[in-house]
Amino acid sequence: MARSRALTSRWLALAVLCAAMMMIILDGTIVTVALPAIQRDLGFSSSGLAWVVNAYLIAFGGLLLLAGRLGIRAHRRHRRRRGGAAGRVLRPAAPGPHAAPPVADIPVS
């Protein structure tokens, strides 16, 4: 059952990544297709069009970084909540890789 859930989760993640990649390509295509209309309507030169593309990419990249950071924070919060109070209390006493590290009595001089 757990293996099936993990497999389903991986396929869902792949589908979300594929959809996100398609949206990125589509956004870039829309900006590229709109460049002649932008040049005609706003009277931009070739260097002005380069600024339009660069401004779009900077804004898109900044929002992408922000979304990634928010996703990381949400994942960490979810992982913390999943353990619950019992997990925080029992984890240091449990044997294994999640056990609390031993404390050595080493004099500091």
N, C-alpha and C. Protein backbone atom coordinates (compact mmCIF):
# COMPACT_ATOMS: atom_id res chain seq x y z
N MET A 1 0.82 -1.19 0.00
CA MET A 1 0.00 0.00 0.00
C MET A 1 0.86 1.26 0.00
N ALA A 2 1.92 1.24 0.84
CA ALA A 2 2.79 2.41 0.91
C ALA A 2 3.54 2.60 -0.40
N ARG A 3 3.93 1.50 -1.03
CA ARG A 3 4.64 1.59 -2.30
C ARG A 3 3.73 2.17 -3.38
N SER A 4 2.46 1.78 -3.37
CA SER A 4 1.50 2.29 -4.34
C SER A 4 1.29 3.78 -4.15
N ARG A 5 1.22 4.22 -2.89
CA ARG A 5 1.04 5.64 -2.61
C ARG A 5 2.25 6.43 -3.06
N ALA A 6 3.46 5.90 -2.83
CA ALA A 6 4.68 6.58 -3.24
C ALA A 6 4.76 6.66 -4.76
N LEU A 7 4.37 5.59 -5.44
CA LEU A 7 4.39 5.59 -6.90
C LEU A 7 3.39 6.59 -7.46
N THR A 8 2.20 6.64 -6.87
CA THR A 8 1.19 7.61 -7.30
C THR A 8 1.68 9.02 -7.06
N SER A 9 2.33 9.24 -5.93
CA SER A 9 2.85 10.56 -5.59
C SER A 9 3.93 10.99 -6.59
N ARG A 10 4.77 10.07 -7.00
CA ARG A 10 5.82 10.39 -7.97
C ARG A 10 5.23 10.74 -9.34
N TRP A 11 4.21 9.99 -9.77
CA TRP A 11 3.59 10.29 -11.05
C TRP A 11 2.87 11.64 -11.00
N LEU A 12 2.27 11.94 -9.86
CA LEU A 12 1.61 13.24 -9.71
C LEU A 12 2.63 14.36 -9.77
N ALA A 13 3.76 14.18 -9.12
CA ALA A 13 4.82 15.19 -9.16
C ALA A 13 5.34 15.38 -10.59
N LEU A 14 5.50 14.28 -11.31
CA LEU A 14 5.95 14.37 -12.70
C LEU A 14 4.93 15.12 -13.56
N ALA A 15 3.65 14.85 -13.35
CA ALA A 15 2.61 15.53 -14.12
C ALA A 15 2.60 17.02 -13.81
N VAL A 16 2.78 17.39 -12.55
CA VAL A 16 2.81 18.81 -12.18
C VAL A 16 4.03 19.49 -12.80
N LEU A 17 5.18 18.83 -12.77
CA LEU A 17 6.38 19.41 -13.37
C LEU A 17 6.24 19.57 -14.89
N CYS A 18 5.64 18.58 -15.55
CA CYS A 18 5.42 18.69 -16.99
C CYS A 18 4.47 19.83 -17.32
N ALA A 19 3.42 19.98 -16.54
CA ALA A 19 2.47 21.07 -16.77
C ALA A 19 3.15 22.43 -16.53
N ALA A 20 3.98 22.52 -15.50
CA ALA A 20 4.70 23.77 -15.22
C ALA A 20 5.66 24.10 -16.34
N MET A 21 6.35 23.10 -16.86
CA MET A 21 7.29 23.34 -17.97
C MET A 21 6.54 23.80 -19.21
N MET A 22 5.38 23.20 -19.46
CA MET A 22 4.58 23.62 -20.61
C MET A 22 4.15 25.08 -20.46
N MET A 23 3.79 25.49 -19.25
CA MET A 23 3.37 26.87 -19.02
C MET A 23 4.54 27.84 -19.21
N ILE A 24 5.73 27.44 -18.80
CA ILE A 24 6.91 28.29 -18.99
C ILE A 24 7.17 28.49 -20.48
N ILE A 25 7.13 27.42 -21.25
CA ILE A 25 7.36 27.52 -22.69
C ILE A 25 6.26 28.35 -23.34
N LEU A 26 5.03 28.14 -22.92
CA LEU A 26 3.90 28.89 -23.47
C LEU A 26 4.04 30.38 -23.16
N ASP A 27 4.44 30.73 -21.94
CA ASP A 27 4.63 32.14 -21.59
C ASP A 27 5.71 32.78 -22.45
N GLY A 28 6.83 32.09 -22.62
CA GLY A 28 7.89 32.63 -23.48
C GLY A 28 7.43 32.81 -24.92
N THR A 29 6.64 31.88 -25.41
CA THR A 29 6.12 31.98 -26.78
C THR A 29 5.17 33.16 -26.92
N ILE A 30 4.33 33.38 -25.91
CA ILE A 30 3.39 34.50 -25.97
C ILE A 30 4.14 35.82 -26.01
N VAL A 31 5.17 35.97 -25.19
CA VAL A 31 5.96 37.21 -25.21
C VAL A 31 6.62 37.40 -26.56
N THR A 32 7.19 36.34 -27.11
CA THR A 32 7.86 36.43 -28.40
C THR A 32 6.89 36.79 -29.52
N VAL A 33 5.71 36.19 -29.50
CA VAL A 33 4.71 36.48 -30.53
C VAL A 33 4.19 37.90 -30.40
N ALA A 34 4.13 38.42 -29.17
CA ALA A 34 3.59 39.77 -28.96
C ALA A 34 4.59 40.87 -29.27
N LEU A 35 5.87 40.55 -29.49
CA LEU A 35 6.88 41.59 -29.72
C LEU A 35 6.58 42.49 -30.91
N PRO A 36 6.17 41.97 -32.08
CA PRO A 36 5.87 42.89 -33.19
C PRO A 36 4.73 43.86 -32.87
N ALA A 37 3.70 43.38 -32.17
CA ALA A 37 2.59 44.27 -31.81
C ALA A 37 3.05 45.31 -30.79
N ILE A 38 3.91 44.91 -29.86
CA ILE A 38 4.45 45.86 -28.89
C ILE A 38 5.27 46.93 -29.60
N GLN A 39 6.09 46.50 -30.56
CA GLN A 39 6.92 47.45 -31.30
C GLN A 39 6.06 48.41 -32.10
N ARG A 40 5.02 47.90 -32.74
CA ARG A 40 4.15 48.74 -33.57
C ARG A 40 3.32 49.70 -32.70
N ASP A 41 2.70 49.19 -31.66
CA ASP A 41 1.79 50.02 -30.85
C ASP A 41 2.52 51.01 -29.95
N LEU A 42 3.63 50.61 -29.40
CA LEU A 42 4.34 51.48 -28.45
C LEU A 42 5.53 52.19 -29.07
N GLY A 43 5.88 51.82 -30.31
CA GLY A 43 6.98 52.48 -31.00
C GLY A 43 8.34 52.15 -30.43
N PHE A 44 8.52 50.94 -29.95
CA PHE A 44 9.81 50.53 -29.39
C PHE A 44 10.81 50.21 -30.50
N SER A 45 12.08 50.46 -30.20
CA SER A 45 13.15 50.06 -31.12
C SER A 45 13.52 48.61 -30.81
N SER A 46 14.51 48.10 -31.53
CA SER A 46 14.97 46.73 -31.28
C SER A 46 15.55 46.58 -29.88
N SER A 47 16.29 47.59 -29.44
CA SER A 47 16.85 47.52 -28.09
C SER A 47 15.74 47.63 -27.04
N GLY A 48 14.68 48.37 -27.34
CA GLY A 48 13.53 48.45 -26.43
C GLY A 48 12.83 47.12 -26.30
N LEU A 49 12.76 46.39 -27.41
CA LEU A 49 12.15 45.05 -27.36
C LEU A 49 13.00 44.09 -26.52
N ALA A 50 14.31 44.26 -26.60
CA ALA A 50 15.19 43.43 -25.76
C ALA A 50 14.93 43.71 -24.28
N TRP A 51 14.67 44.99 -23.96
CA TRP A 51 14.35 45.34 -22.58
C TRP A 51 13.02 44.73 -22.14
N VAL A 52 12.07 44.67 -23.05
CA VAL A 52 10.78 44.05 -22.73
C VAL A 52 10.97 42.58 -22.37
N VAL A 53 11.73 41.88 -23.18
CA VAL A 53 11.98 40.46 -22.92
C VAL A 53 12.75 40.29 -21.61
N ASN A 54 13.77 41.11 -21.40
CA ASN A 54 14.56 41.00 -20.17
C ASN A 54 13.73 41.32 -18.93
N ALA A 55 12.89 42.34 -19.01
CA ALA A 55 12.04 42.69 -17.87
C ALA A 55 11.08 41.54 -17.56
N TYR A 56 10.53 40.93 -18.60
CA TYR A 56 9.64 39.79 -18.39
C TYR A 56 10.39 38.64 -17.72
N LEU A 57 11.59 38.34 -18.21
CA LEU A 57 12.35 37.22 -17.65
C LEU A 57 12.78 37.48 -16.21
N ILE A 58 13.13 38.72 -15.89
CA ILE A 58 13.52 39.04 -14.51
C ILE A 58 12.33 38.90 -13.58
N ALA A 59 11.18 39.43 -13.99
CA ALA A 59 9.98 39.30 -13.15
C ALA A 59 9.57 37.83 -13.00
N PHE A 60 9.62 37.09 -14.09
CA PHE A 60 9.25 35.68 -14.04
C PHE A 60 10.21 34.90 -13.15
N GLY A 61 11.50 35.14 -13.29
CA GLY A 61 12.49 34.45 -12.46
C GLY A 61 12.34 34.78 -10.99
N GLY A 62 12.07 36.04 -10.67
CA GLY A 62 11.87 36.42 -9.28
C GLY A 62 10.66 35.74 -8.67
N LEU A 63 9.57 35.71 -9.42
CA LEU A 63 8.37 35.03 -8.91
C LEU A 63 8.58 33.52 -8.80
N LEU A 64 9.38 32.96 -9.71
CA LEU A 64 9.68 31.53 -9.65
C LEU A 64 10.50 31.20 -8.40
N LEU A 65 11.48 32.06 -8.07
CA LEU A 65 12.26 31.86 -6.86
C LEU A 65 11.39 31.99 -5.61
N LEU A 66 10.50 32.97 -5.62
CA LEU A 66 9.59 33.15 -4.48
C LEU A 66 8.68 31.94 -4.31
N ALA A 67 8.14 31.43 -5.40
CA ALA A 67 7.26 30.27 -5.32
C ALA A 67 8.02 29.04 -4.83
N GLY A 68 9.26 28.88 -5.25
CA GLY A 68 10.07 27.76 -4.78
C GLY A 68 10.35 27.85 -3.29
N ARG A 69 10.65 29.05 -2.83
CA ARG A 69 10.91 29.25 -1.40
C ARG A 69 9.65 28.97 -0.58
N LEU A 70 8.51 29.43 -1.04
CA LEU A 70 7.25 29.17 -0.34
C LEU A 70 6.94 27.68 -0.31
N GLY A 71 7.25 26.98 -1.40
CA GLY A 71 7.05 25.53 -1.44
C GLY A 71 7.93 24.81 -0.44
N ILE A 72 9.16 25.24 -0.31
CA ILE A 72 10.07 24.63 0.65
C ILE A 72 9.56 24.85 2.07
N ARG A 73 9.12 26.07 2.36
CA ARG A 73 8.60 26.36 3.70
C ARG A 73 7.36 25.54 4.00
N ALA A 74 6.48 25.42 3.03
CA ALA A 74 5.25 24.64 3.24
C ALA A 74 5.58 23.17 3.47
N HIS A 75 6.57 22.65 2.76
CA HIS A 75 6.96 21.25 2.93
C HIS A 75 7.55 21.03 4.32
N ARG A 76 8.39 21.95 4.77
CA ARG A 76 8.99 21.80 6.11
C ARG A 76 7.91 21.86 7.18
N ARG A 77 6.95 22.76 7.02
CA ARG A 77 5.87 22.87 8.01
C ARG A 77 5.06 21.58 8.04
N HIS A 78 4.82 21.01 6.86
CA HIS A 78 4.06 19.76 6.78
C HIS A 78 4.83 18.62 7.44
N ARG A 79 6.13 18.57 7.23
CA ARG A 79 6.95 17.51 7.84
C ARG A 79 6.96 17.63 9.35
N ARG A 80 7.03 18.87 9.88
CA ARG A 80 7.02 19.07 11.32
C ARG A 80 5.68 18.64 11.91
N ARG A 81 4.60 18.98 11.25
CA ARG A 81 3.28 18.67 11.75
C ARG A 81 3.01 17.17 11.73
N ARG A 82 3.60 16.47 10.78
CA ARG A 82 3.35 15.05 10.63
C ARG A 82 3.86 14.25 11.83
N GLY A 83 4.95 14.69 12.46
CA GLY A 83 5.48 13.98 13.62
C GLY A 83 4.60 14.10 14.84
N GLY A 84 4.01 15.25 15.06
CA GLY A 84 3.13 15.45 16.20
C GLY A 84 3.90 15.51 17.51
N ALA A 85 3.17 15.70 18.59
CA ALA A 85 3.78 15.82 19.91
C ALA A 85 4.43 14.50 20.33
N ALA A 86 3.78 13.38 20.03
CA ALA A 86 4.34 12.09 20.41
C ALA A 86 5.68 11.85 19.71
N GLY A 87 5.79 12.26 18.48
CA GLY A 87 7.04 12.09 17.76
C GLY A 87 8.16 12.91 18.36
N ARG A 88 7.85 14.12 18.80
CA ARG A 88 8.88 14.96 19.41
C ARG A 88 9.31 14.43 20.77
N VAL A 89 8.39 13.80 21.49
CA VAL A 89 8.71 13.28 22.82
C VAL A 89 9.45 11.95 22.72
N LEU A 90 8.97 11.06 21.84
CA LEU A 90 9.53 9.72 21.78
C LEU A 90 10.78 9.60 20.90
N ARG A 91 10.99 10.50 19.99
CA ARG A 91 12.12 10.37 19.06
C ARG A 91 13.47 10.34 19.76
N PRO A 92 13.74 11.19 20.75
CA PRO A 92 15.06 11.10 21.41
C PRO A 92 15.28 9.79 22.15
N ALA A 93 14.21 9.15 22.61
CA ALA A 93 14.35 7.90 23.35
C ALA A 93 14.41 6.68 22.44
N ALA A 94 14.07 6.84 21.17
CA ALA A 94 14.01 5.70 20.25
C ALA A 94 15.40 5.34 19.76
N PRO A 95 15.68 4.03 19.64
CA PRO A 95 16.96 3.62 19.07
C PRO A 95 16.91 3.78 17.55
N GLY A 96 18.06 3.92 16.95
CA GLY A 96 18.11 4.01 15.49
C GLY A 96 18.70 5.33 15.03
N PRO A 97 18.58 5.60 13.73
CA PRO A 97 19.25 6.78 13.18
C PRO A 97 18.63 8.09 13.65
N HIS A 98 17.38 8.07 14.16
CA HIS A 98 16.75 9.31 14.59
C HIS A 98 16.93 9.55 16.08
N ALA A 99 17.68 8.71 16.75
CA ALA A 99 17.89 8.85 18.19
C ALA A 99 18.77 10.06 18.45
N ALA A 100 18.67 10.57 19.66
CA ALA A 100 19.49 11.71 20.06
C ALA A 100 20.95 11.28 20.12
N PRO A 101 21.88 12.12 19.70
CA PRO A 101 23.29 11.74 19.74
C PRO A 101 23.76 11.67 21.19
N PRO A 102 24.71 10.77 21.47
CA PRO A 102 25.22 10.66 22.85
C PRO A 102 26.01 11.92 23.21
N VAL A 103 25.93 12.27 24.47
CA VAL A 103 26.64 13.44 24.98
C VAL A 103 27.89 12.95 25.68
N ALA A 104 29.02 13.44 25.29
CA ALA A 104 30.28 13.04 25.89
C ALA A 104 30.67 14.05 26.96
N ASP A 105 31.17 13.55 28.08
CA ASP A 105 31.64 14.43 29.16
C ASP A 105 33.10 14.73 28.92
N ILE A 106 33.37 15.73 28.13
CA ILE A 106 34.73 16.11 27.81
C ILE A 106 35.03 17.43 28.51
N PRO A 107 36.03 17.46 29.35
CA PRO A 107 36.34 18.73 30.02
C PRO A 107 36.89 19.75 29.04
N VAL A 108 36.46 20.96 29.19
CA VAL A 108 36.92 22.04 28.33
C VAL A 108 37.93 22.86 29.14
N SER A 109 39.15 22.99 28.63
CA SER A 109 40.15 23.74 29.38
C SER A 109 40.51 25.02 28.70
